[in-house]
Amino acid sequence: MKTARGHRRSQPLRKAWQRKPWSRLLGTALTLFLVAGAVAFVYHTLSQPGRLPLRVVEVKGDFRHLETVHIERSVIDAIDGGFFSCDMQKLRTAVLAIPWVEDVSIRRVWPDKLSMLVTEQVPLARWGEDALISVRSRIFRPASLGEYAGLVKLSGPAGSGDRVVVFFQAIVSAARARDLSIREVQLDERRHWWVRFADGLTLSLGREDVENRLAQFFRVYPKLIADPQRRPERIDMRYAHGFAVRWQEPNANAGELEAQDKV
């Protein structure tokens, strides 16, 4: 009997012990639900356009051509909400639309501030007739070329900016070593490479085996200018076993290309 009564007394205690973890889990879940609901309610309330308006726009960066006031004005015109609801991508797009801006990062600073770090374009050369191209191959069109109107002119089909910049940078040192100043590098619609120098010389490289043709040109160029009475006007490197030269002097068949064997 004692054993039976002892068994009957211990059974309710065991059931209560078994139910306790579920009760705690339910209570925790209910608490989390209430907290999440409260957070969602507060966020929804604060996200309304009229709540927490942005009052301060901070612009940081080292500028030579950009004006802080211009950037701030562009951002203010693009703001379409408060601290939480403002479209950050729209603000970024507005700043990137300014010609001299290369990149921008924007972050919110509680409770009413936008902080921006703006990177300015660094021109490498002109692109076409009215644009510039940066050292990172970004093409942009300022209101005026100004002091950069005398830069080397690069040009090419749409989407070829990277390729033209790489080619130009690859030949600069070799040209300077031979006292050649590059005036223009062009990749035409047929993907044919042209290089024009400040002394009036035009170099035609074609579209195939360009690297070897260029090396051949730099190798023979000193011999082509050895005679001070004759200066090459155009050199065509597209021949399989040589190249052709048009000379500036009338007494050397000016206007015609003179074939040369490889040296």
Protein backbone atom coordinates (compact mmCIF):
# COMPACT_ATOMS: atom_id res chain seq x y z
CA MET A 1 0.00 0.00 0.00
CA LYS A 2 2.77 2.43 0.79
CA THR A 3 4.37 1.60 -2.48
CA ALA A 4 1.11 2.15 -4.33
CA ARG A 5 0.43 5.46 -2.56
CA GLY A 6 4.02 6.54 -3.22
CA HIS A 7 3.53 5.74 -6.90
CA ARG A 8 0.27 7.69 -7.09
CA ARG A 9 1.88 10.78 -5.49
CA SER A 10 4.92 10.79 -7.79
CA GLN A 11 2.91 10.52 -11.05
CA PRO A 12 1.41 14.07 -10.97
CA LEU A 13 4.81 15.52 -10.15
CA ARG A 14 6.34 13.79 -13.18
CA LYS A 15 3.61 15.13 -15.49
CA ALA A 16 4.09 18.65 -14.17
CA TRP A 17 7.83 18.37 -14.74
CA GLN A 18 7.21 17.13 -18.32
CA ARG A 19 4.87 20.05 -19.13
CA LYS A 20 7.21 22.77 -17.86
CA PRO A 21 9.62 23.02 -20.89
CA TRP A 22 6.66 23.41 -23.28
CA SER A 23 5.24 26.15 -21.15
CA ARG A 24 8.56 27.99 -21.18
CA LEU A 25 8.86 27.59 -24.96
CA LEU A 26 5.37 28.92 -25.48
CA GLY A 27 6.06 31.87 -23.22
CA THR A 28 9.32 32.66 -25.02
CA ALA A 29 7.62 32.46 -28.42
CA LEU A 30 4.84 34.76 -27.26
CA THR A 31 7.36 37.26 -25.90
CA LEU A 32 9.34 37.24 -29.16
CA PHE A 33 6.14 37.69 -31.14
CA LEU A 34 5.14 40.69 -29.08
CA VAL A 35 8.60 42.24 -29.34
CA ALA A 36 8.72 41.68 -33.11
CA GLY A 37 5.28 43.19 -33.46
CA ALA A 38 6.31 46.23 -31.44
CA VAL A 39 9.49 46.67 -33.51
CA ALA A 40 7.53 46.34 -36.75
CA PHE A 41 4.99 48.87 -35.56
CA VAL A 42 7.69 51.37 -34.56
CA TYR A 43 9.59 50.87 -37.83
CA HIS A 44 6.41 51.28 -39.88
CA THR A 45 5.55 54.44 -38.00
CA LEU A 46 9.04 55.95 -38.36
CA SER A 47 9.25 54.91 -42.02
CA GLN A 48 6.41 57.19 -43.04
CA PRO A 49 7.65 59.97 -45.38
CA GLY A 50 6.85 62.71 -42.90
CA ARG A 51 8.69 61.08 -40.01
CA LEU A 52 12.38 61.71 -39.18
CA PRO A 53 13.12 64.04 -42.10
CA LEU A 54 16.70 64.24 -43.36
CA ARG A 55 18.07 67.67 -42.47
CA VAL A 56 21.85 67.37 -42.98
CA VAL A 57 23.81 66.34 -46.10
CA GLU A 58 27.54 65.88 -45.52
CA VAL A 59 29.90 65.57 -48.51
CA LYS A 60 33.50 64.37 -48.13
CA GLY A 61 36.23 63.99 -50.76
CA ASP A 62 39.23 65.65 -52.39
CA PHE A 63 37.92 67.76 -55.26
CA ARG A 64 39.52 69.73 -58.04
CA HIS A 65 36.57 70.10 -60.39
CA LEU A 66 33.57 69.14 -58.27
CA GLU A 67 31.74 71.60 -56.04
CA THR A 68 30.29 70.46 -52.73
CA VAL A 69 27.30 72.76 -53.13
CA HIS A 70 26.45 71.20 -56.50
CA ILE A 71 26.55 67.68 -55.04
CA GLU A 72 24.43 68.69 -52.04
CA ARG A 73 21.84 70.29 -54.32
CA SER A 74 21.61 67.17 -56.47
CA VAL A 75 21.07 65.00 -53.38
CA ILE A 76 18.47 67.30 -51.85
CA ASP A 77 16.49 67.31 -55.10
CA ALA A 78 16.53 63.48 -55.12
CA ILE A 79 15.47 62.92 -51.49
CA ASP A 80 12.03 61.29 -51.51
CA GLY A 81 11.52 60.23 -47.89
CA GLY A 82 12.71 60.33 -44.32
CA PHE A 83 15.63 58.68 -42.52
CA PHE A 84 14.36 55.12 -43.09
CA SER A 85 12.21 55.53 -46.21
CA CYS A 86 14.56 57.49 -48.45
CA ASP A 87 15.62 55.57 -51.59
CA MET A 88 19.42 55.32 -51.25
CA GLN A 89 19.92 53.91 -54.74
CA LYS A 90 18.08 56.90 -56.19
CA LEU A 91 20.42 59.24 -54.31
CA ARG A 92 23.48 57.34 -55.54
CA THR A 93 22.24 57.50 -59.13
CA ALA A 94 21.70 61.26 -58.82
CA VAL A 95 25.27 61.82 -57.62
CA LEU A 96 26.81 59.51 -60.25
CA ALA A 97 25.02 61.51 -62.94
CA ILE A 98 27.30 64.48 -62.18
CA PRO A 99 30.01 64.32 -64.91
CA TRP A 100 33.10 64.58 -62.70
CA VAL A 101 31.90 61.98 -60.15
CA GLU A 102 33.55 58.58 -60.47
CA ASP A 103 32.02 56.86 -57.43
CA VAL A 104 30.08 57.61 -54.23
CA SER A 105 29.20 55.79 -51.03
CA ILE A 106 26.27 56.99 -48.92
CA ARG A 107 25.30 56.07 -45.36
CA ARG A 108 22.68 57.19 -42.88
CA VAL A 109 23.78 58.79 -39.62
CA TRP A 110 21.14 58.88 -36.87
CA PRO A 111 18.87 60.73 -36.60
CA ASP A 112 18.72 63.08 -39.61
CA LYS A 113 21.98 62.99 -41.57
CA LEU A 114 23.33 61.60 -44.86
CA SER A 115 27.10 61.20 -45.06
CA MET A 116 28.68 60.78 -48.52
CA LEU A 117 32.20 59.99 -49.67
CA VAL A 118 32.67 61.10 -53.28
CA THR A 119 35.55 60.12 -55.58
CA GLU A 120 36.41 62.48 -58.44
CA GLN A 121 37.32 61.38 -61.96
CA VAL A 122 41.04 61.51 -62.91
CA PRO A 123 41.30 62.15 -66.69
CA LEU A 124 43.73 60.06 -68.71
CA ALA A 125 42.92 61.26 -72.22
CA ARG A 126 40.24 62.73 -74.42
CA TRP A 127 37.61 60.37 -75.79
CA GLY A 128 36.29 61.30 -79.20
CA GLU A 129 35.53 64.96 -79.80
CA ASP A 130 33.78 66.09 -76.61
CA ALA A 131 34.46 63.59 -73.82
CA LEU A 132 37.20 62.49 -71.45
CA ILE A 133 38.19 59.00 -70.33
CA SER A 134 39.54 58.38 -66.83
CA VAL A 135 42.44 56.24 -65.66
CA ARG A 136 39.79 53.63 -64.80
CA SER A 137 38.41 53.71 -68.36
CA ARG A 138 35.29 55.66 -67.39
CA ILE A 139 34.00 57.90 -70.20
CA PHE A 140 32.37 61.16 -69.10
CA ARG A 141 31.38 64.46 -70.69
CA PRO A 142 32.11 67.62 -68.72
CA ALA A 143 30.61 70.94 -69.74
CA SER A 144 33.98 71.89 -71.20
CA LEU A 145 37.26 70.06 -71.84
CA GLY A 146 39.13 73.13 -70.61
CA GLU A 147 42.72 72.38 -69.69
CA TYR A 148 42.35 68.80 -70.95
CA ALA A 149 41.67 69.74 -74.58
CA GLY A 150 45.33 69.03 -75.37
CA LEU A 151 45.39 65.48 -74.06
CA VAL A 152 45.94 62.49 -76.33
CA LYS A 153 42.78 61.59 -78.22
CA LEU A 154 41.47 58.03 -77.86
CA SER A 155 38.49 56.64 -79.73
CA GLY A 156 36.77 53.37 -80.47
CA PRO A 157 33.42 51.61 -80.89
CA ALA A 158 30.94 51.47 -78.02
CA GLY A 159 32.24 49.35 -75.16
CA SER A 160 35.88 49.44 -76.28
CA GLY A 161 37.12 51.98 -73.71
CA ASP A 162 39.00 49.44 -71.57
CA ARG A 163 40.69 47.89 -74.59
CA VAL A 164 41.81 51.22 -76.06
CA VAL A 165 43.18 52.45 -72.71
CA VAL A 166 45.18 49.25 -72.19
CA PHE A 167 46.64 49.52 -75.70
CA PHE A 168 47.53 53.19 -75.25
CA GLN A 169 49.23 52.61 -71.91
CA ALA A 170 51.19 49.69 -73.37
CA ILE A 171 52.81 51.76 -76.13
CA VAL A 172 53.51 55.06 -74.33
CA SER A 173 56.90 54.09 -72.91
CA ALA A 174 58.21 52.60 -76.16
CA ALA A 175 57.10 55.69 -78.09
CA ARG A 176 58.78 58.08 -75.65
CA ALA A 177 62.00 56.08 -75.82
CA ARG A 178 62.11 56.93 -79.52
CA ASP A 179 61.13 60.59 -79.05
CA LEU A 180 57.68 59.95 -80.44
CA SER A 181 54.75 61.83 -78.92
CA ILE A 182 51.40 60.10 -79.38
CA ARG A 183 48.62 62.39 -80.58
CA GLU A 184 45.84 59.87 -81.21
CA VAL A 185 45.00 56.17 -80.83
CA GLN A 186 42.01 54.88 -82.75
CA LEU A 187 40.26 51.52 -82.93
CA ASP A 188 37.92 51.87 -85.89
CA GLU A 189 34.66 50.04 -86.59
CA ARG A 190 36.56 47.24 -88.36
CA ARG A 191 38.72 46.79 -85.21
CA HIS A 192 41.69 48.19 -87.13
CA TRP A 193 44.28 49.98 -84.98
CA TRP A 194 45.70 53.39 -85.94
CA VAL A 195 48.29 55.47 -84.09
CA ARG A 196 49.00 59.08 -85.03
CA PHE A 197 52.00 60.96 -83.69
CA ALA A 198 52.59 64.65 -83.07
CA ASP A 199 55.12 64.93 -85.93
CA GLY A 200 52.44 63.93 -88.46
CA LEU A 201 53.34 60.24 -88.78
CA THR A 202 50.41 57.82 -89.09
CA LEU A 203 50.90 54.15 -88.20
CA SER A 204 48.53 51.48 -89.51
CA LEU A 205 48.58 48.20 -87.59
CA GLY A 206 45.48 46.38 -88.83
CA ARG A 207 43.56 44.01 -86.58
CA GLU A 208 45.72 40.87 -86.49
CA ASP A 209 49.11 40.15 -84.94
CA VAL A 210 49.10 43.73 -83.63
CA GLU A 211 51.63 43.14 -80.87
CA ASN A 212 54.28 41.78 -83.25
CA ARG A 213 53.58 44.48 -85.83
CA LEU A 214 54.00 47.15 -83.19
CA ALA A 215 57.28 45.63 -82.00
CA GLN A 216 58.48 45.54 -85.60
CA PHE A 217 57.61 49.22 -86.06
CA PHE A 218 59.55 50.31 -82.99
CA ARG A 219 62.48 48.20 -84.13
CA VAL A 220 62.72 49.72 -87.63
CA TYR A 221 61.68 53.27 -86.85
CA PRO A 222 65.21 54.53 -85.93
CA LYS A 223 66.46 53.36 -89.33
CA LEU A 224 63.58 55.05 -91.15
CA ILE A 225 64.49 58.45 -89.69
CA ALA A 226 68.26 58.02 -90.03
CA ASP A 227 68.28 60.25 -93.12
CA PRO A 228 67.28 63.77 -91.97
CA GLN A 229 66.21 64.59 -95.53
CA ARG A 230 63.49 61.98 -95.50
CA ARG A 231 60.74 61.66 -92.91
CA PRO A 232 58.04 58.98 -92.99
CA GLU A 233 54.48 60.27 -93.25
CA ARG A 234 52.65 56.96 -93.06
CA ILE A 235 53.82 53.45 -92.21
CA ASP A 236 51.61 50.45 -92.95
CA MET A 237 52.60 47.34 -90.99
CA ARG A 238 49.89 45.04 -92.38
CA TYR A 239 52.17 43.16 -94.78
CA ALA A 240 53.09 39.53 -94.17
CA HIS A 241 56.78 39.94 -95.02
CA GLY A 242 57.43 43.64 -94.59
CA PHE A 243 55.79 47.03 -94.44
CA ALA A 244 55.16 50.06 -96.60
CA VAL A 245 56.25 53.66 -96.12
CA ARG A 246 54.94 56.91 -97.51
CA TRP A 247 57.55 59.66 -97.31
CA GLN A 248 56.95 63.35 -96.73
CA GLU A 249 59.43 64.62 -99.34
CA PRO A 250 58.14 65.11 -102.88
CA ASN A 251 61.35 63.70 -104.36
CA ALA A 252 60.73 60.39 -102.67
CA ASN A 253 57.43 59.47 -104.34
CA ALA A 254 55.26 61.43 -101.97
CA GLY A 255 51.70 60.18 -102.00
CA GLU A 256 52.77 56.59 -102.69
CA LEU A 257 53.62 53.76 -100.33
CA GLU A 258 57.10 52.32 -100.75
CA ALA A 259 57.33 48.63 -99.83
CA GLN A 260 60.07 47.64 -97.41
CA ASP A 261 61.27 44.21 -96.39
CA LYS A 262 61.37 43.28 -92.73
CA VAL A 263 64.56 44.30 -90.99
